[in-house]
PDB file of N, CA and C in Angstrom:
ATOM      1  N   MET A   1     130.212 -32.343 -48.592  1.00  0.00           N
ATOM      2  CA  MET A   1     130.138 -33.729 -48.986  1.00  0.00           C
ATOM      3  C   MET A   1     130.207 -34.661 -47.767  1.00  0.00           C
ATOM      4  N   ALA A   2     131.094 -34.333 -46.817  1.00  0.00           N
ATOM      5  CA  ALA A   2     131.217 -35.162 -45.615  1.00  0.00           C
ATOM      6  C   ALA A   2     129.935 -35.133 -44.799  1.00  0.00           C
ATOM      7  N   GLY A   3     129.269 -33.971 -44.774  1.00  0.00           N
ATOM      8  CA  GLY A   3     127.997 -33.858 -44.051  1.00  0.00           C
ATOM      9  C   GLY A   3     126.932 -34.756 -44.640  1.00  0.00           C
ATOM     10  N   ASP A   4     126.939 -34.904 -45.974  1.00  0.00           N
ATOM     11  CA  ASP A   4     125.984 -35.790 -46.631  1.00  0.00           C
ATOM     12  C   ASP A   4     126.213 -37.237 -46.218  1.00  0.00           C
ATOM     13  N   MET A   5     127.484 -37.629 -46.139  1.00  0.00           N
ATOM     14  CA  MET A   5     127.825 -38.996 -45.754  1.00  0.00           C
ATOM     15  C   MET A   5     127.405 -39.251 -44.309  1.00  0.00           C
ATOM     16  N   GLU A   6     127.697 -38.306 -43.417  1.00  0.00           N
ATOM     17  CA  GLU A   6     127.311 -38.463 -42.013  1.00  0.00           C
ATOM     18  C   GLU A   6     125.801 -38.516 -41.887  1.00  0.00           C
ATOM     19  N   SER A   7     125.107 -37.662 -42.624  1.00  0.00           N
ATOM     20  CA  SER A   7     123.654 -37.637 -42.594  1.00  0.00           C
ATOM     21  C   SER A   7     123.095 -38.949 -43.120  1.00  0.00           C
ATOM     22  N   SER A   8     123.672 -39.445 -44.189  1.00  0.00           N
ATOM     23  CA  SER A   8     123.236 -40.707 -44.780  1.00  0.00           C
ATOM     24  C   SER A   8     123.476 -41.868 -43.823  1.00  0.00           C
ATOM     25  N   ASP A   9     124.636 -41.879 -43.184  1.00  0.00           N
ATOM     26  CA  ASP A   9     124.946 -42.934 -42.216  1.00  0.00           C
ATOM     27  C   ASP A   9     124.000 -42.888 -41.025  1.00  0.00           C
ATOM     28  N   ALA A  10     123.705 -41.692 -40.538  1.00  0.00           N
ATOM     29  CA  ALA A  10     122.792 -41.544 -39.406  1.00  0.00           C
ATOM     30  C   ALA A  10     121.391 -41.997 -39.787  1.00  0.00           C
ATOM     31  N   PHE A  11     120.972 -41.652 -41.002  1.00  0.00           N
ATOM     32  CA  PHE A  11     119.635 -42.053 -41.466  1.00  0.00           C
ATOM     33  C   PHE A  11     119.562 -43.569 -41.620  1.00  0.00           C
ATOM     34  N   GLU A  12     120.617 -44.154 -42.163  1.00  0.00           N
ATOM     35  CA  GLU A  12     120.643 -45.613 -42.326  1.00  0.00           C
ATOM     36  C   GLU A  12     120.586 -46.307 -40.965  1.00  0.00           C
ATOM     37  N   LYS A  13     121.329 -45.788 -40.001  1.00  0.00           N
ATOM     38  CA  LYS A  13     121.307 -46.369 -38.653  1.00  0.00           C
ATOM     39  C   LYS A  13     119.910 -46.243 -38.042  1.00  0.00           C
ATOM     40  N   TRP A  14     119.281 -45.080 -38.220  1.00  0.00           N
ATOM     41  CA  TRP A  14     117.920 -44.877 -37.715  1.00  0.00           C
ATOM     42  C   TRP A  14     116.973 -45.887 -38.361  1.00  0.00           C
ATOM     43  N   ALA A  15     117.078 -46.048 -39.690  1.00  0.00           N
ATOM     44  CA  ALA A  15     116.186 -46.951 -40.417  1.00  0.00           C
ATOM     45  C   ALA A  15     116.352 -48.399 -39.944  1.00  0.00           C
ATOM     46  N   LEU A  16     117.591 -48.828 -39.733  1.00  0.00           N
ATOM     47  CA  LEU A  16     117.828 -50.193 -39.262  1.00  0.00           C
ATOM     48  C   LEU A  16     117.281 -50.405 -37.857  1.00  0.00           C
ATOM     49  N   CYS A  17     117.472 -49.421 -36.989  1.00  0.00           N
ATOM     50  CA  CYS A  17     116.946 -49.518 -35.622  1.00  0.00           C
ATOM     51  C   CYS A  17     115.423 -49.552 -35.629  1.00  0.00           C
ATOM     52  N   LYS A  18     114.817 -48.717 -36.473  1.00  0.00           N
ATOM     53  CA  LYS A  18     113.354 -48.659 -36.561  1.00  0.00           C
ATOM     54  C   LYS A  18     112.803 -49.984 -37.097  1.00  0.00           C
ATOM     55  N   ALA A  19     113.445 -50.544 -38.122  1.00  0.00           N
ATOM     56  CA  ALA A  19     112.999 -51.826 -38.675  1.00  0.00           C
ATOM     57  C   ALA A  19     113.093 -52.927 -37.627  1.00  0.00           C
ATOM     58  N   HIS A  20     114.192 -52.935 -36.880  1.00  0.00           N
ATOM     59  CA  HIS A  20     114.370 -53.941 -35.824  1.00  0.00           C
ATOM     60  C   HIS A  20     113.278 -53.792 -34.762  1.00  0.00           C
ATOM     61  N   GLU A  21     113.007 -52.551 -34.377  1.00  0.00           N
ATOM     62  CA  GLU A  21     111.980 -52.272 -33.372  1.00  0.00           C
ATOM     63  C   GLU A  21     110.605 -52.771 -33.839  1.00  0.00           C
ATOM     64  N   ILE A  22     110.257 -52.481 -35.085  1.00  0.00           N
ATOM     65  CA  ILE A  22     108.950 -52.885 -35.624  1.00  0.00           C
ATOM     66  C   ILE A  22     108.849 -54.410 -35.698  1.00  0.00           C
ATOM     67  N   LEU A  23     109.877 -55.056 -36.231  1.00  0.00           N
ATOM     68  CA  LEU A  23     109.832 -56.513 -36.354  1.00  0.00           C
ATOM     69  C   LEU A  23     109.849 -57.203 -34.999  1.00  0.00           C
ATOM     70  N   SER A  24     110.569 -56.618 -34.046  1.00  0.00           N
ATOM     71  CA  SER A  24     110.632 -57.216 -32.712  1.00  0.00           C
ATOM     72  C   SER A  24     109.300 -57.140 -31.987  1.00  0.00           C
ATOM     73  N   LYS A  25     108.521 -56.124 -32.266  1.00  0.00           N
ATOM     74  CA  LYS A  25     107.245 -55.956 -31.573  1.00  0.00           C
ATOM     75  C   LYS A  25     106.086 -56.452 -32.438  1.00  0.00           C
ATOM     76  N   GLU A  26     105.721 -55.670 -33.445  1.00  0.00           N
ATOM     77  CA  GLU A  26     104.551 -56.007 -34.268  1.00  0.00           C
ATOM     78  C   GLU A  26     104.773 -57.275 -35.087  1.00  0.00           C
ATOM     79  N   GLY A  27     105.989 -57.456 -35.592  1.00  0.00           N
ATOM     80  CA  GLY A  27     106.276 -58.662 -36.364  1.00  0.00           C
ATOM     81  C   GLY A  27     106.177 -59.918 -35.515  1.00  0.00           C
ATOM     82  N   PHE A  28     106.684 -59.842 -34.303  1.00  0.00           N
ATOM     83  CA  PHE A  28     106.595 -60.994 -33.406  1.00  0.00           C
ATOM     84  C   PHE A  28     105.143 -61.315 -33.056  1.00  0.00           C
ATOM     85  N   LEU A  29     104.354 -60.266 -32.787  1.00  0.00           N
ATOM     86  CA  LEU A  29     102.939 -60.492 -32.463  1.00  0.00           C
ATOM     87  C   LEU A  29     102.208 -61.162 -33.625  1.00  0.00           C
ATOM     88  N   LEU A  30     102.499 -60.733 -34.846  1.00  0.00           N
ATOM     89  CA  LEU A  30     101.878 -61.335 -36.026  1.00  0.00           C
ATOM     90  C   LEU A  30     102.310 -62.789 -36.178  1.00  0.00           C
ATOM     91  N   MET A  31     103.591 -63.048 -36.021  1.00  0.00           N
ATOM     92  CA  MET A  31     104.093 -64.414 -36.134  1.00  0.00           C
ATOM     93  C   MET A  31     103.458 -65.331 -35.085  1.00  0.00           C
ATOM     94  N   ASP A  32     103.354 -64.828 -33.861  1.00  0.00           N
ATOM     95  CA  ASP A  32     102.774 -65.616 -32.775  1.00  0.00           C
ATOM     96  C   ASP A  32     101.309 -65.953 -33.063  1.00  0.00           C
ATOM     97  N   ALA A  33     100.559 -64.975 -33.534  1.00  0.00           N
ATOM     98  CA  ALA A  33      99.149 -65.205 -33.855  1.00  0.00           C
ATOM     99  C   ALA A  33      98.998 -66.184 -35.016  1.00  0.00           C
ATOM    100  N   ALA A  34      99.839 -66.038 -36.033  1.00  0.00           N
ATOM    101  CA  ALA A  34      99.761 -66.933 -37.190  1.00  0.00           C
ATOM    102  C   ALA A  34     100.108 -68.365 -36.795  1.00  0.00           C
ATOM    103  N   GLN A  35     101.122 -68.524 -35.967  1.00  0.00           N
ATOM    104  CA  GLN A  35     101.505 -69.875 -35.515  1.00  0.00           C
ATOM    105  C   GLN A  35     100.394 -70.511 -34.687  1.00  0.00           C
ATOM    106  N   ALA A  36      99.650 -69.697 -33.961  1.00  0.00           N
ATOM    107  CA  ALA A  36      98.546 -70.206 -33.147  1.00  0.00           C
ATOM    108  C   ALA A  36      97.290 -70.434 -33.993  1.00  0.00           C
ATOM    109  N   LEU A  37      97.377 -70.095 -35.284  1.00  0.00           N
ATOM    110  CA  LEU A  37      96.238 -70.219 -36.198  1.00  0.00           C
ATOM    111  C   LEU A  37      95.024 -69.433 -35.711  1.00  0.00           C
ATOM    112  N   ASP A  38      95.303 -68.293 -35.093  1.00  0.00           N
ATOM    113  CA  ASP A  38      94.257 -67.413 -34.581  1.00  0.00           C
ATOM    114  C   ASP A  38      93.992 -66.332 -35.628  1.00  0.00           C
ATOM    115  N   LYS A  39      92.935 -66.539 -36.407  1.00  0.00           N
ATOM    116  CA  LYS A  39      92.653 -65.625 -37.527  1.00  0.00           C
ATOM    117  C   LYS A  39      92.351 -64.208 -37.067  1.00  0.00           C
ATOM    118  N   LYS A  40      91.627 -64.066 -35.963  1.00  0.00           N
ATOM    119  CA  LYS A  40      91.281 -62.729 -35.469  1.00  0.00           C
ATOM    120  C   LYS A  40      92.535 -61.972 -35.043  1.00  0.00           C
ATOM    121  N   ARG A  41      93.391 -62.613 -34.252  1.00  0.00           N
ATOM    122  CA  ARG A  41      94.645 -61.972 -33.821  1.00  0.00           C
ATOM    123  C   ARG A  41      95.590 -61.731 -34.989  1.00  0.00           C
ATOM    124  N   THR A  42      95.623 -62.664 -35.948  1.00  0.00           N
ATOM    125  CA  THR A  42      96.485 -62.501 -37.117  1.00  0.00           C
ATOM    126  C   THR A  42      96.064 -61.263 -37.897  1.00  0.00           C
ATOM    127  N   LYS A  43      94.778 -61.119 -38.130  1.00  0.00           N
ATOM    128  CA  LYS A  43      94.267 -59.958 -38.869  1.00  0.00           C
ATOM    129  C   LYS A  43      94.572 -58.667 -38.104  1.00  0.00           C
ATOM    130  N   SER A  44      94.324 -58.678 -36.811  1.00  0.00           N
ATOM    131  CA  SER A  44      94.567 -57.502 -35.976  1.00  0.00           C
ATOM    132  C   SER A  44      96.055 -57.129 -35.956  1.00  0.00           C
ATOM    133  N   ASN A  45      96.921 -58.121 -35.813  1.00  0.00           N
ATOM    134  CA  ASN A  45      98.353 -57.857 -35.750  1.00  0.00           C
ATOM    135  C   ASN A  45      98.930 -57.486 -37.108  1.00  0.00           C
ATOM    136  N   ALA A  46      98.345 -57.987 -38.186  1.00  0.00           N
ATOM    137  CA  ALA A  46      98.767 -57.556 -39.523  1.00  0.00           C
ATOM    138  C   ALA A  46      98.456 -56.073 -39.696  1.00  0.00           C
ATOM    139  N   PHE A  47      97.300 -55.659 -39.197  1.00  0.00           N
ATOM    140  CA  PHE A  47      96.918 -54.246 -39.242  1.00  0.00           C
ATOM    141  C   PHE A  47      97.908 -53.401 -38.434  1.00  0.00           C
ATOM    142  N   LEU A  48      98.283 -53.868 -37.244  1.00  0.00           N
ATOM    143  CA  LEU A  48      99.256 -53.147 -36.413  1.00  0.00           C
ATOM    144  C   LEU A  48     100.613 -53.042 -37.105  1.00  0.00           C
ATOM    145  N   LEU A  49     101.031 -54.117 -37.760  1.00  0.00           N
ATOM    146  CA  LEU A  49     102.307 -54.102 -38.471  1.00  0.00           C
ATOM    147  C   LEU A  49     102.265 -53.117 -39.634  1.00  0.00           C
ATOM    148  N   ARG A  50     101.177 -53.138 -40.413  1.00  0.00           N
ATOM    149  CA  ARG A  50     101.037 -52.179 -41.526  1.00  0.00           C
ATOM    150  C   ARG A  50     101.075 -50.753 -41.023  1.00  0.00           C
ATOM    151  N   ASN A  51     100.387 -50.487 -39.913  1.00  0.00           N
ATOM    152  CA  ASN A  51     100.378 -49.130 -39.356  1.00  0.00           C
ATOM    153  C   ASN A  51     101.754 -48.707 -38.856  1.00  0.00           C
ATOM    154  N   ALA A  52     102.468 -49.609 -38.225  1.00  0.00           N
ATOM    155  CA  ALA A  52     103.812 -49.286 -37.732  1.00  0.00           C
ATOM    156  C   ALA A  52     104.741 -48.969 -38.904  1.00  0.00           C
ATOM    157  N   ILE A  53     104.631 -49.742 -39.982  1.00  0.00           N
ATOM    158  CA  ILE A  53     105.455 -49.478 -41.169  1.00  0.00           C
ATOM    159  C   ILE A  53     105.084 -48.137 -41.782  1.00  0.00           C
ATOM    160  N   ALA A  54     103.785 -47.860 -41.901  1.00  0.00           N
ATOM    161  CA  ALA A  54     103.338 -46.583 -42.473  1.00  0.00           C
ATOM    162  C   ALA A  54     103.826 -45.401 -41.636  1.00  0.00           C
ATOM    163  N   ARG A  55     103.721 -45.517 -40.306  1.00  0.00           N
ATOM    164  CA  ARG A  55     104.200 -44.447 -39.426  1.00  0.00           C
ATOM    165  C   ARG A  55     105.691 -44.224 -39.590  1.00  0.00           C
ATOM    166  N   SER A  56     106.448 -45.314 -39.701  1.00  0.00           N
ATOM    167  CA  SER A  56     107.897 -45.169 -39.840  1.00  0.00           C
ATOM    168  C   SER A  56     108.260 -44.542 -41.185  1.00  0.00           C
ATOM    169  N   LEU A  57     107.500 -44.844 -42.225  1.00  0.00           N
ATOM    170  CA  LEU A  57     107.761 -44.221 -43.527  1.00  0.00           C
ATOM    171  C   LEU A  57     107.471 -42.723 -43.487  1.00  0.00           C
ATOM    172  N   MET A  58     106.394 -42.346 -42.806  1.00  0.00           N
ATOM    173  CA  MET A  58     106.085 -40.919 -42.670  1.00  0.00           C
ATOM    174  C   MET A  58     107.150 -40.223 -41.831  1.00  0.00           C
ATOM    175  N   GLU A  59     107.608 -40.891 -40.780  1.00  0.00           N
ATOM    176  CA  GLU A  59     108.672 -40.326 -39.947  1.00  0.00           C
ATOM    177  C   GLU A  59     109.963 -40.187 -40.756  1.00  0.00           C
ATOM    178  N   ALA A  60     110.276 -41.193 -41.559  1.00  0.00           N
ATOM    179  CA  ALA A  60     111.483 -41.145 -42.391  1.00  0.00           C
ATOM    180  C   ALA A  60     111.416 -39.994 -43.381  1.00  0.00           C
ATOM    181  N   ALA A  61     110.252 -39.789 -43.986  1.00  0.00           N
ATOM    182  CA  ALA A  61     110.096 -38.698 -44.946  1.00  0.00           C
ATOM    183  C   ALA A  61     110.306 -37.351 -44.265  1.00  0.00           C
ATOM    184  N   SER A  62     109.806 -37.211 -43.046  1.00  0.00           N
ATOM    185  CA  SER A  62     109.976 -35.940 -42.339  1.00  0.00           C
ATOM    186  C   SER A  62     111.422 -35.744 -41.915  1.00  0.00           C
ATOM    187  N   LEU A  63     112.111 -36.819 -41.555  1.00  0.00           N
ATOM    188  CA  LEU A  63     113.521 -36.715 -41.170  1.00  0.00           C
ATOM    189  C   LEU A  63     114.393 -36.349 -42.361  1.00  0.00           C
ATOM    190  N   ARG A  64     114.094 -36.892 -43.520  1.00  0.00           N
ATOM    191  CA  ARG A  64     114.892 -36.616 -44.713  1.00  0.00           C
ATOM    192  C   ARG A  64     114.708 -35.193 -45.205  1.00  0.00           C
ATOM    193  N   SER A  65     113.583 -34.570 -44.846  1.00  0.00           N
ATOM    194  CA  SER A  65     113.348 -33.205 -45.304  1.00  0.00           C
ATOM    195  C   SER A  65     114.011 -32.173 -44.401  1.00  0.00           C
ATOM    196  N   LEU A  66     114.506 -32.594 -43.235  1.00  0.00           N
ATOM    197  CA  LEU A  66     115.186 -31.671 -42.329  1.00  0.00           C
ATOM    198  C   LEU A  66     116.624 -31.463 -42.797  1.00  0.00           C
ATOM    199  N   PRO A  67     117.153 -30.248 -42.653  1.00  0.00           N
ATOM    200  CA  PRO A  67     118.556 -30.043 -43.029  1.00  0.00           C
ATOM    201  C   PRO A  67     119.475 -30.790 -42.071  1.00  0.00           C
ATOM    202  N   ALA A  68     120.577 -31.279 -42.591  1.00  0.00           N
ATOM    203  CA  ALA A  68     121.557 -32.004 -41.769  1.00  0.00           C
ATOM    204  C   ALA A  68     122.233 -31.021 -40.822  1.00  0.00           C
ATOM    205  N   ALA A  69     122.822 -31.546 -39.762  1.00  0.00           N
ATOM    206  CA  ALA A  69     123.513 -30.701 -38.781  1.00  0.00           C
ATOM    207  C   ALA A  69     124.581 -29.869 -39.487  1.00  0.00           C
ATOM    208  N   GLY A  70     124.620 -28.597 -39.206  1.00  0.00           N
ATOM    209  CA  GLY A  70     125.605 -27.727 -39.794  1.00  0.00           C
ATOM    210  C   GLY A  70     125.181 -27.106 -41.121  1.00  0.00           C
ATOM    211  N   GLU A  71     124.062 -27.568 -41.682  1.00  0.00           N
ATOM    212  CA  GLU A  71     123.565 -26.993 -42.936  1.00  0.00           C
ATOM    213  C   GLU A  71     122.554 -25.903 -42.650  1.00  0.00           C
ATOM    214  N   THR A  72     122.407 -24.990 -43.574  1.00  0.00           N
ATOM    215  CA  THR A  72     121.372 -23.981 -43.460  1.00  0.00           C
ATOM    216  C   THR A  72     120.331 -24.239 -44.512  1.00  0.00           C
ATOM    217  N   ALA A  73     119.099 -23.956 -44.180  1.00  0.00           N
ATOM    218  CA  ALA A  73     117.995 -24.214 -45.107  1.00  0.00           C
ATOM    219  C   ALA A  73     117.920 -23.167 -46.183  1.00  0.00           C
TER     220      ALA A  73
END
């Protein structure tokens, strides 16, 4: 039970760090383009943000399928 809590806490910390990383980079680029009313950059940066989110979701799914430290598969 304690391993589940540690695993859950580690996953939550990873998810928060990943969200911060994505918003700090791709989110900022999208915001900057939108504020500049640059439709081409806005569209391009929205695509980058969607891709970063999709990649992080795939990474999260693969991390959740791994056994926690100390567990056997």
